[in-house]
C-alpha atoms as a PDB file:
ATOM      1  CA  MET A   1      -2.013  -8.251  22.422  1.00  0.00           C
ATOM      2  CA  SER A   2      -0.499 -10.728  19.967  1.00  0.00           C
ATOM      3  CA  ASP A   3      -3.522 -13.058  20.021  1.00  0.00           C
ATOM      4  CA  LYS A   4      -5.933 -10.163  19.472  1.00  0.00           C
ATOM      5  CA  LEU A   5      -3.692  -8.737  16.754  1.00  0.00           C
ATOM      6  CA  GLN A   6      -3.547 -12.134  15.044  1.00  0.00           C
ATOM      7  CA  GLN A   7      -7.338 -12.238  15.083  1.00  0.00           C
ATOM      8  CA  ARG A   8      -7.465  -8.786  13.516  1.00  0.00           C
ATOM      9  CA  LEU A   9      -4.913  -9.769  10.891  1.00  0.00           C
ATOM     10  CA  ASP A  10      -6.820 -12.940  10.001  1.00  0.00           C
ATOM     11  CA  PHE A  11      -9.990 -10.890   9.686  1.00  0.00           C
ATOM     12  CA  ALA A  12      -8.282  -8.216   7.586  1.00  0.00           C
ATOM     13  CA  VAL A  13      -6.843 -10.685   5.082  1.00  0.00           C
ATOM     14  CA  ILE A  14     -10.199 -12.386   4.535  1.00  0.00           C
ATOM     15  CA  ALA A  15     -12.085  -9.090   4.369  1.00  0.00           C
ATOM     16  CA  ALA A  16      -9.702  -7.335   1.983  1.00  0.00           C
ATOM     17  CA  ARG A  17      -9.505 -10.268  -0.392  1.00  0.00           C
ATOM     18  CA  ALA A  18     -13.266 -10.781  -0.426  1.00  0.00           C
ATOM     19  CA  SER A  19     -14.139  -7.101  -0.893  1.00  0.00           C
ATOM     20  CA  SER A  20     -11.498  -6.613  -3.571  1.00  0.00           C
ATOM     21  CA  LEU A  21     -13.214  -9.197  -5.765  1.00  0.00           C
ATOM     22  CA  LEU A  22     -16.091  -6.762  -6.203  1.00  0.00           C
ATOM     23  CA  THR A  23     -13.796  -4.617  -8.334  1.00  0.00           C
ATOM     24  CA  LEU A  24     -13.524  -7.386 -10.924  1.00  0.00           C
ATOM     25  CA  GLU A  25     -17.211  -6.918 -11.716  1.00  0.00           C
ATOM     26  CA  TYR A  26     -16.272  -3.496 -13.113  1.00  0.00           C
ATOM     27  CA  PHE A  27     -12.710  -4.083 -14.333  1.00  0.00           C
ATOM     28  CA  GLN A  28     -12.230  -3.648 -18.093  1.00  0.00           C
ATOM     29  CA  SER A  29     -15.939  -2.870 -18.476  1.00  0.00           C
ATOM     30  CA  VAL A  30     -16.914  -0.726 -21.438  1.00  0.00           C
ATOM     31  CA  ASP A  31     -19.594   0.842 -19.236  1.00  0.00           C
ATOM     32  CA  LEU A  32     -17.147   2.042 -16.571  1.00  0.00           C
ATOM     33  CA  ALA A  33     -17.645   5.792 -16.208  1.00  0.00           C
ATOM     34  CA  PRO A  34     -15.191   7.364 -13.742  1.00  0.00           C
ATOM     35  CA  ASP A  35     -15.891  10.691 -12.064  1.00  0.00           C
ATOM     36  CA  ASP A  36     -13.235  13.242 -11.191  1.00  0.00           C
ATOM     37  CA  LYS A  37     -12.719  14.129  -7.541  1.00  0.00           C
ATOM     38  CA  ALA A  38     -11.808  17.625  -6.375  1.00  0.00           C
ATOM     39  CA  ASP A  39      -8.080  16.849  -6.719  1.00  0.00           C
ATOM     40  CA  GLY A  40      -8.549  15.656 -10.311  1.00  0.00           C
ATOM     41  CA  SER A  41      -8.062  11.962  -9.541  1.00  0.00           C
ATOM     42  CA  PRO A  42     -10.678   9.521 -10.839  1.00  0.00           C
ATOM     43  CA  VAL A  43     -13.158   7.583  -8.729  1.00  0.00           C
ATOM     44  CA  THR A  44     -15.511   4.853  -9.907  1.00  0.00           C
ATOM     45  CA  ALA A  45     -18.500   2.857  -8.713  1.00  0.00           C
ATOM     46  CA  ALA A  46     -16.017   0.055  -8.035  1.00  0.00           C
ATOM     47  CA  ASP A  47     -14.099   2.211  -5.512  1.00  0.00           C
ATOM     48  CA  ARG A  48     -17.312   2.982  -3.669  1.00  0.00           C
ATOM     49  CA  ALA A  49     -18.657  -0.570  -3.745  1.00  0.00           C
ATOM     50  CA  CYS A  50     -15.415  -2.057  -2.436  1.00  0.00           C
ATOM     51  CA  GLU A  51     -15.068   0.488   0.367  1.00  0.00           C
ATOM     52  CA  LEU A  52     -18.689   0.141   1.445  1.00  0.00           C
ATOM     53  CA  ASP A  53     -18.318  -3.632   1.600  1.00  0.00           C
ATOM     54  CA  LEU A  54     -15.164  -3.351   3.689  1.00  0.00           C
ATOM     55  CA  ARG A  55     -16.805  -0.847   6.011  1.00  0.00           C
ATOM     56  CA  GLU A  56     -19.738  -3.182   6.585  1.00  0.00           C
ATOM     57  CA  ARG A  57     -17.401  -6.061   7.376  1.00  0.00           C
ATOM     58  CA  ILE A  58     -15.396  -3.945   9.834  1.00  0.00           C
ATOM     59  CA  ILE A  59     -18.463  -2.525  11.560  1.00  0.00           C
ATOM     60  CA  THR A  60     -19.871  -6.027  11.991  1.00  0.00           C
ATOM     61  CA  ALA A  61     -16.638  -7.448  13.406  1.00  0.00           C
ATOM     62  CA  TYR A  62     -15.324  -4.391  15.288  1.00  0.00           C
ATOM     63  CA  PRO A  63     -18.228  -1.986  15.827  1.00  0.00           C
ATOM     64  CA  ASP A  64     -16.349   0.300  18.224  1.00  0.00           C
ATOM     65  CA  ASP A  65     -13.285   0.841  16.006  1.00  0.00           C
ATOM     66  CA  ALA A  66     -12.752   4.010  13.985  1.00  0.00           C
ATOM     67  CA  ILE A  67     -12.667   3.915  10.180  1.00  0.00           C
ATOM     68  CA  LEU A  68     -10.872   6.215   7.750  1.00  0.00           C
ATOM     69  CA  GLY A  69     -11.567   5.588   4.080  1.00  0.00           C
ATOM     70  CA  GLU A  70     -10.664   7.343   0.875  1.00  0.00           C
ATOM     71  CA  GLU A  71     -14.191   7.674  -0.482  1.00  0.00           C
ATOM     72  CA  PHE A  72     -16.507   8.204   2.520  1.00  0.00           C
ATOM     73  CA  ASP A  73     -16.641  10.177   5.763  1.00  0.00           C
ATOM     74  CA  ASP A  74     -14.638   9.159   8.806  1.00  0.00           C
ATOM     75  CA  ARG A  75     -16.266   6.994  11.455  1.00  0.00           C
ATOM     76  CA  GLU A  76     -15.383   7.722  15.068  1.00  0.00           C
ATOM     77  CA  GLY A  77     -14.326   4.958  17.456  1.00  0.00           C
ATOM     78  CA  THR A  78     -13.635   4.364  21.138  1.00  0.00           C
ATOM     79  CA  THR A  79     -11.055   1.543  21.173  1.00  0.00           C
ATOM     80  CA  GLY A  80      -7.911   3.299  19.956  1.00  0.00           C
ATOM     81  CA  TYR A  81      -7.991   1.167  16.808  1.00  0.00           C
ATOM     82  CA  GLN A  82      -8.551   2.797  13.422  1.00  0.00           C
ATOM     83  CA  TRP A  83      -9.020   0.967  10.129  1.00  0.00           C
ATOM     84  CA  VAL A  84      -7.710   2.725   7.024  1.00  0.00           C
ATOM     85  CA  ILE A  85      -9.160   1.724   3.651  1.00  0.00           C
ATOM     86  CA  ASP A  86      -7.946   2.358   0.123  1.00  0.00           C
ATOM     87  CA  PRO A  87     -10.480   0.393  -1.943  1.00  0.00           C
ATOM     88  CA  ILE A  88      -8.642   0.805  -5.251  1.00  0.00           C
ATOM     89  CA  ASP A  89      -5.067   1.988  -5.024  1.00  0.00           C
ATOM     90  CA  GLY A  90      -4.173   2.664  -8.620  1.00  0.00           C
ATOM     91  CA  THR A  91      -7.503   3.883  -9.963  1.00  0.00           C
ATOM     92  CA  ILE A  92      -5.811   5.242 -13.096  1.00  0.00           C
ATOM     93  CA  SER A  93      -4.520   1.740 -13.837  1.00  0.00           C
ATOM     94  CA  PHE A  94      -7.958   0.358 -13.053  1.00  0.00           C
ATOM     95  CA  VAL A  95      -9.884   2.656 -15.395  1.00  0.00           C
ATOM     96  CA  HIS A  96      -7.434   1.927 -18.220  1.00  0.00           C
ATOM     97  CA  GLY A  97      -7.816  -1.823 -17.834  1.00  0.00           C
ATOM     98  CA  VAL A  98      -4.329  -2.350 -16.379  1.00  0.00           C
ATOM     99  CA  PRO A  99      -4.258  -5.016 -13.615  1.00  0.00           C
ATOM    100  CA  LEU A 100      -1.668  -3.211 -11.449  1.00  0.00           C
ATOM    101  CA  TYR A 101      -4.214  -1.948  -8.935  1.00  0.00           C
ATOM    102  CA  GLY A 102      -5.041  -3.276  -5.511  1.00  0.00           C
ATOM    103  CA  THR A 103      -7.063  -2.991  -2.336  1.00  0.00           C
ATOM    104  CA  MET A 104      -5.208  -1.814   0.765  1.00  0.00           C
ATOM    105  CA  LEU A 105      -6.418  -2.263   4.335  1.00  0.00           C
ATOM    106  CA  ALA A 106      -4.534  -1.186   7.435  1.00  0.00           C
ATOM    107  CA  CYS A 107      -5.241  -1.037  11.137  1.00  0.00           C
ATOM    108  CA  LEU A 108      -3.636   1.546  13.420  1.00  0.00           C
ATOM    109  CA  LYS A 109      -3.440   1.398  17.205  1.00  0.00           C
ATOM    110  CA  ASP A 110      -3.216   4.838  18.798  1.00  0.00           C
ATOM    111  CA  GLY A 111      -2.053   6.217  15.449  1.00  0.00           C
ATOM    112  CA  VAL A 112       0.629   3.581  14.817  1.00  0.00           C
ATOM    113  CA  PRO A 113       0.160   1.091  11.941  1.00  0.00           C
ATOM    114  CA  VAL A 114       0.096  -2.424  13.402  1.00  0.00           C
ATOM    115  CA  LEU A 115      -1.189  -4.484  10.486  1.00  0.00           C
ATOM    116  CA  GLY A 116      -1.519  -4.169   6.747  1.00  0.00           C
ATOM    117  CA  VAL A 117      -2.930  -6.069   3.784  1.00  0.00           C
ATOM    118  CA  ILE A 118      -2.398  -5.413   0.078  1.00  0.00           C
ATOM    119  CA  THR A 119      -4.251  -7.611  -2.382  1.00  0.00           C
ATOM    120  CA  MET A 120      -4.209  -7.506  -6.182  1.00  0.00           C
ATOM    121  CA  PRO A 121      -7.547  -8.933  -7.369  1.00  0.00           C
ATOM    122  CA  ALA A 122      -6.751  -8.837 -11.100  1.00  0.00           C
ATOM    123  CA  LEU A 123      -3.399 -10.593 -10.554  1.00  0.00           C
ATOM    124  CA  ASN A 124      -4.775 -13.879  -9.285  1.00  0.00           C
ATOM    125  CA  GLN A 125      -5.382 -12.303  -5.861  1.00  0.00           C
ATOM    126  CA  GLU A 126      -1.691 -11.937  -5.147  1.00  0.00           C
ATOM    127  CA  THR A 127      -1.552 -10.689  -1.559  1.00  0.00           C
ATOM    128  CA  VAL A 128       1.037  -9.537   0.947  1.00  0.00           C
ATOM    129  CA  TYR A 129       0.133  -8.966   4.559  1.00  0.00           C
ATOM    130  CA  GLY A 130       1.771  -8.581   7.928  1.00  0.00           C
ATOM    131  CA  ALA A 131       1.388  -7.415  11.511  1.00  0.00           C
ATOM    132  CA  THR A 132       3.837  -6.175  14.107  1.00  0.00           C
ATOM    133  CA  GLY A 133       5.586  -9.131  15.713  1.00  0.00           C
ATOM    134  CA  LEU A 134       3.627 -11.664  13.661  1.00  0.00           C
ATOM    135  CA  GLY A 135       5.617 -11.746  10.421  1.00  0.00           C
ATOM    136  CA  ALA A 136       4.792 -10.901   6.821  1.00  0.00           C
ATOM    137  CA  PHE A 137       3.382 -13.309   4.259  1.00  0.00           C
ATOM    138  CA  HIS A 138       2.812 -13.697   0.529  1.00  0.00           C
ATOM    139  CA  GLN A 139      -0.107 -15.592  -0.968  1.00  0.00           C
ATOM    140  CA  ILE A 140      -1.356 -16.157  -4.502  1.00  0.00           C
ATOM    141  CA  ALA A 141      -4.930 -17.322  -5.062  1.00  0.00           C
ATOM    142  CA  GLY A 142      -5.718 -20.101  -2.595  1.00  0.00           C
ATOM    143  CA  ASN A 143      -2.145 -21.342  -2.273  1.00  0.00           C
ATOM    144  CA  THR A 144      -0.530 -21.770   1.124  1.00  0.00           C
ATOM    145  CA  PRO A 145       0.987 -18.455   2.278  1.00  0.00           C
ATOM    146  CA  THR A 146       4.776 -18.240   2.400  1.00  0.00           C
ATOM    147  CA  ARG A 147       6.992 -15.845   4.315  1.00  0.00           C
ATOM    148  CA  ALA A 148       7.487 -12.515   2.584  1.00  0.00           C
ATOM    149  CA  GLN A 149      11.145 -11.504   2.408  1.00  0.00           C
ATOM    150  CA  VAL A 150      12.796  -8.397   1.014  1.00  0.00           C
ATOM    151  CA  SER A 151      15.841  -8.549  -1.235  1.00  0.00           C
ATOM    152  CA  ARG A 152      19.444  -8.550  -0.045  1.00  0.00           C
ATOM    153  CA  THR A 153      20.781  -5.990  -2.504  1.00  0.00           C
ATOM    154  CA  SER A 154      23.280  -3.860  -0.613  1.00  0.00           C
ATOM    155  CA  GLU A 155      24.663  -1.564  -3.309  1.00  0.00           C
ATOM    156  CA  LEU A 156      22.554   1.291  -4.601  1.00  0.00           C
ATOM    157  CA  SER A 157      24.255   1.088  -7.994  1.00  0.00           C
ATOM    158  CA  LYS A 158      22.881  -2.442  -8.386  1.00  0.00           C
ATOM    159  CA  SER A 159      19.392  -1.684  -7.139  1.00  0.00           C
ATOM    160  CA  MET A 160      15.979  -1.726  -8.767  1.00  0.00           C
ATOM    161  CA  LEU A 161      13.804   1.183  -7.611  1.00  0.00           C
ATOM    162  CA  ALA A 162      10.115   1.723  -8.233  1.00  0.00           C
ATOM    163  CA  THR A 163       7.787   4.702  -8.096  1.00  0.00           C
ATOM    164  CA  THR A 164       4.258   5.241  -9.312  1.00  0.00           C
ATOM    165  CA  SER A 165       4.838   7.940 -11.923  1.00  0.00           C
ATOM    166  CA  MET A 166       6.993  10.932 -12.740  1.00  0.00           C
ATOM    167  CA  ASP A 167       3.700  12.870 -12.614  1.00  0.00           C
ATOM    168  CA  TYR A 168       4.129  13.076  -8.834  1.00  0.00           C
ATOM    169  CA  PHE A 169       7.584  14.635  -9.049  1.00  0.00           C
ATOM    170  CA  THR A 170       6.128  18.087  -9.667  1.00  0.00           C
ATOM    171  CA  THR A 171       8.574  20.443  -7.930  1.00  0.00           C
ATOM    172  CA  ASP A 172      12.127  21.257  -8.991  1.00  0.00           C
ATOM    173  CA  PRO A 173      13.599  19.398  -5.974  1.00  0.00           C
ATOM    174  CA  HIS A 174      11.460  16.377  -6.738  1.00  0.00           C
ATOM    175  CA  ARG A 175      12.474  16.380 -10.403  1.00  0.00           C
ATOM    176  CA  GLU A 176      16.101  16.532  -9.289  1.00  0.00           C
ATOM    177  CA  LEU A 177      15.373  13.587  -6.995  1.00  0.00           C
ATOM    178  CA  PHE A 178      13.920  11.654  -9.935  1.00  0.00           C
ATOM    179  CA  ASP A 179      17.134  12.300 -11.881  1.00  0.00           C
ATOM    180  CA  ARG A 180      19.222  11.069  -8.924  1.00  0.00           C
ATOM    181  CA  MET A 181      17.132   7.906  -8.735  1.00  0.00           C
ATOM    182  CA  HIS A 182      18.047   7.174 -12.339  1.00  0.00           C
ATOM    183  CA  THR A 183      21.726   8.016 -12.072  1.00  0.00           C
ATOM    184  CA  GLN A 184      22.431   6.333  -8.732  1.00  0.00           C
ATOM    185  CA  SER A 185      20.472   3.101  -9.131  1.00  0.00           C
ATOM    186  CA  ARG A 186      20.673   0.448 -11.813  1.00  0.00           C
ATOM    187  CA  PHE A 187      17.018   0.639 -12.891  1.00  0.00           C
ATOM    188  CA  VAL A 188      13.915   2.693 -12.099  1.00  0.00           C
ATOM    189  CA  ARG A 189      10.517   1.437 -13.144  1.00  0.00           C
ATOM    190  CA  GLY A 190       6.937   2.639 -12.730  1.00  0.00           C
ATOM    191  CA  TRP A 191       5.461  -0.556 -11.363  1.00  0.00           C
ATOM    192  CA  SER A 192       2.886   1.567  -9.810  1.00  0.00           C
ATOM    193  CA  ASP A 193       1.025   2.269  -6.642  1.00  0.00           C
ATOM    194  CA  CYS A 194       0.592  -0.578  -4.185  1.00  0.00           C
ATOM    195  CA  TYR A 195       2.039  -3.151  -6.588  1.00  0.00           C
ATOM    196  CA  ALA A 196       5.464  -1.635  -6.021  1.00  0.00           C
ATOM    197  CA  ILE A 197       5.121  -2.478  -2.325  1.00  0.00           C
ATOM    198  CA  VAL A 198       4.092  -6.039  -3.175  1.00  0.00           C
ATOM    199  CA  LEU A 199       7.255  -6.317  -5.279  1.00  0.00           C
ATOM    200  CA  LEU A 200       9.388  -4.838  -2.502  1.00  0.00           C
ATOM    201  CA  ALA A 201       7.983  -7.151   0.163  1.00  0.00           C
ATOM    202  CA  THR A 202       8.728 -10.173  -2.012  1.00  0.00           C
ATOM    203  CA  GLY A 203      12.265  -9.207  -3.038  1.00  0.00           C
ATOM    204  CA  ARG A 204      11.595  -8.219  -6.634  1.00  0.00           C
ATOM    205  CA  VAL A 205      12.481  -4.555  -6.221  1.00  0.00           C
ATOM    206  CA  ASP A 206      14.849  -3.039  -3.674  1.00  0.00           C
ATOM    207  CA  GLY A 207      13.266   0.306  -2.865  1.00  0.00           C
ATOM    208  CA  VAL A 208      10.159   2.404  -3.420  1.00  0.00           C
ATOM    209  CA  ILE A 209      10.131   6.201  -3.355  1.00  0.00           C
ATOM    210  CA  GLU A 210       6.847   8.144  -3.408  1.00  0.00           C
ATOM    211  CA  PRO A 211       6.876  11.948  -2.929  1.00  0.00           C
ATOM    212  CA  ASP A 212       3.102  12.511  -2.919  1.00  0.00           C
ATOM    213  CA  VAL A 213       0.869  10.071  -1.040  1.00  0.00           C
ATOM    214  CA  LYS A 214      -2.107  10.105   1.315  1.00  0.00           C
ATOM    215  CA  ILE A 215      -2.365   8.114   4.520  1.00  0.00           C
ATOM    216  CA  TRP A 216      -4.588   5.473   2.889  1.00  0.00           C
ATOM    217  CA  ASP A 217      -1.898   4.934   0.227  1.00  0.00           C
ATOM    218  CA  ILE A 218       0.728   3.928   2.775  1.00  0.00           C
ATOM    219  CA  ALA A 219      -0.845   3.023   6.142  1.00  0.00           C
ATOM    220  CA  SER A 220      -0.562  -0.691   5.353  1.00  0.00           C
ATOM    221  CA  VAL A 221       3.090  -0.427   4.293  1.00  0.00           C
ATOM    222  CA  PRO A 222       5.002  -0.186   7.630  1.00  0.00           C
ATOM    223  CA  PRO A 223       3.990  -3.507   9.230  1.00  0.00           C
ATOM    224  CA  ILE A 224       4.330  -5.429   5.966  1.00  0.00           C
ATOM    225  CA  ILE A 225       7.755  -4.090   5.034  1.00  0.00           C
ATOM    226  CA  ALA A 226       9.175  -4.122   8.556  1.00  0.00           C
ATOM    227  CA  GLU A 227       8.065  -7.723   9.115  1.00  0.00           C
ATOM    228  CA  ALA A 228       9.480  -8.718   5.706  1.00  0.00           C
ATOM    229  CA  GLY A 229      12.891  -7.475   6.858  1.00  0.00           C
ATOM    230  CA  GLY A 230      12.858  -3.996   5.342  1.00  0.00           C
ATOM    231  CA  ASP A 231      12.607  -0.420   6.538  1.00  0.00           C
ATOM    232  CA  TRP A 232      10.503   2.659   5.849  1.00  0.00           C
ATOM    233  CA  SER A 233      10.242   6.341   6.675  1.00  0.00           C
ATOM    234  CA  ALA A 234       8.814   9.599   5.444  1.00  0.00           C
ATOM    235  CA  PHE A 235      11.161  11.821   3.432  1.00  0.00           C
ATOM    236  CA  SER A 236      11.916  13.697   6.664  1.00  0.00           C
ATOM    237  CA  GLY A 237      13.177  10.502   8.254  1.00  0.00           C
ATOM    238  CA  ALA A 238      10.235  10.297  10.651  1.00  0.00           C
ATOM    239  CA  LYS A 239       8.335   7.063  11.150  1.00  0.00           C
ATOM    240  CA  SER A 240       5.113   8.760  10.126  1.00  0.00           C
ATOM    241  CA  VAL A 241       2.371   7.965   7.617  1.00  0.00           C
ATOM    242  CA  ASP A 242       0.969  11.493   7.912  1.00  0.00           C
ATOM    243  CA  GLU A 243       3.665  13.491   6.114  1.00  0.00           C
ATOM    244  CA  GLY A 244       2.656  12.794   2.511  1.00  0.00           C
ATOM    245  CA  SER A 245       5.780  10.904   1.415  1.00  0.00           C
ATOM    246  CA  ILE A 246       7.452   7.545   1.893  1.00  0.00           C
ATOM    247  CA  ILE A 247      10.712   5.736   1.362  1.00  0.00           C
ATOM    248  CA  ALA A 248      10.341   1.964   1.666  1.00  0.00           C
ATOM    249  CA  SER A 249      13.327  -0.300   1.204  1.00  0.00           C
ATOM    250  CA  ASN A 250      14.941  -3.644   1.807  1.00  0.00           C
ATOM    251  CA  GLY A 251      16.640  -2.085   4.832  1.00  0.00           C
ATOM    252  CA  GLN A 252      20.181  -2.419   3.557  1.00  0.00           C
ATOM    253  CA  LEU A 253      19.665   0.486   1.169  1.00  0.00           C
ATOM    254  CA  HIS A 254      17.578   2.674   3.424  1.00  0.00           C
ATOM    255  CA  GLU A 255      20.266   5.136   4.488  1.00  0.00           C
ATOM    256  CA  ASP A 256      21.437   5.482   0.874  1.00  0.00           C
ATOM    257  CA  LEU A 257      17.883   6.209  -0.255  1.00  0.00           C
ATOM    258  CA  ALA A 258      17.334   8.655   2.599  1.00  0.00           C
ATOM    259  CA  ARG A 259      20.498  10.532   1.622  1.00  0.00           C
ATOM    260  CA  MET A 260      19.341  10.547  -1.989  1.00  0.00           C
ATOM    261  CA  VAL A 261      16.027  12.102  -0.970  1.00  0.00           C
ATOM    262  CA  ARG A 262      17.637  14.702   1.261  1.00  0.00           C
END
């Protein structure tokens, strides 16, 4: 499986990076006119263009695989593989001209994430990617990829935590969790959405806590963070990307973060 998975990873990195560049045609445009989806979140022509391009690339390369994307209907498959696309993770950043948005592409085998790619087109195409058993890597522009490695911080009181926004801590328990994050760690910052995972995978933050996410927001996270030496789970402790929450960490702090959440 490793050779076939390597082929899929190589494909995914090239595809995600190439499709993500389409978003730059719209980024910081005065003509950008976002629409509101049913949940109130914005969507733009750039989201749709990027996802359509990725879908076409996947269908050409792997026509029998399933596809789940944020903006378009699911595509059924017969191979047990499912591609999960988030064309612009961080659309609010995107529509406000903030470069902390990215394109996320994952592939699941029988429901388990086996590879992930996160690329930041407006940050010189900074990219992290990884696949189960194949390692995790960090690449900027056309430079040679280097191994991605999480931090070694072992004390929660010295840690740097990240989360997208306090806006997602909407319930009383979640607001209490947000307060605990501040009191128990050294710093908490809103280096948002997928960029927080890029920072975690490269040792620049120590943990990421997100109480309200969809599968396309996090499907690429498990193989990247695990292969970079870290750990992840849903708030329940389950290794699931279907529960609507995630704790991702450098591994050494994972139990502390899980206790904080509980």
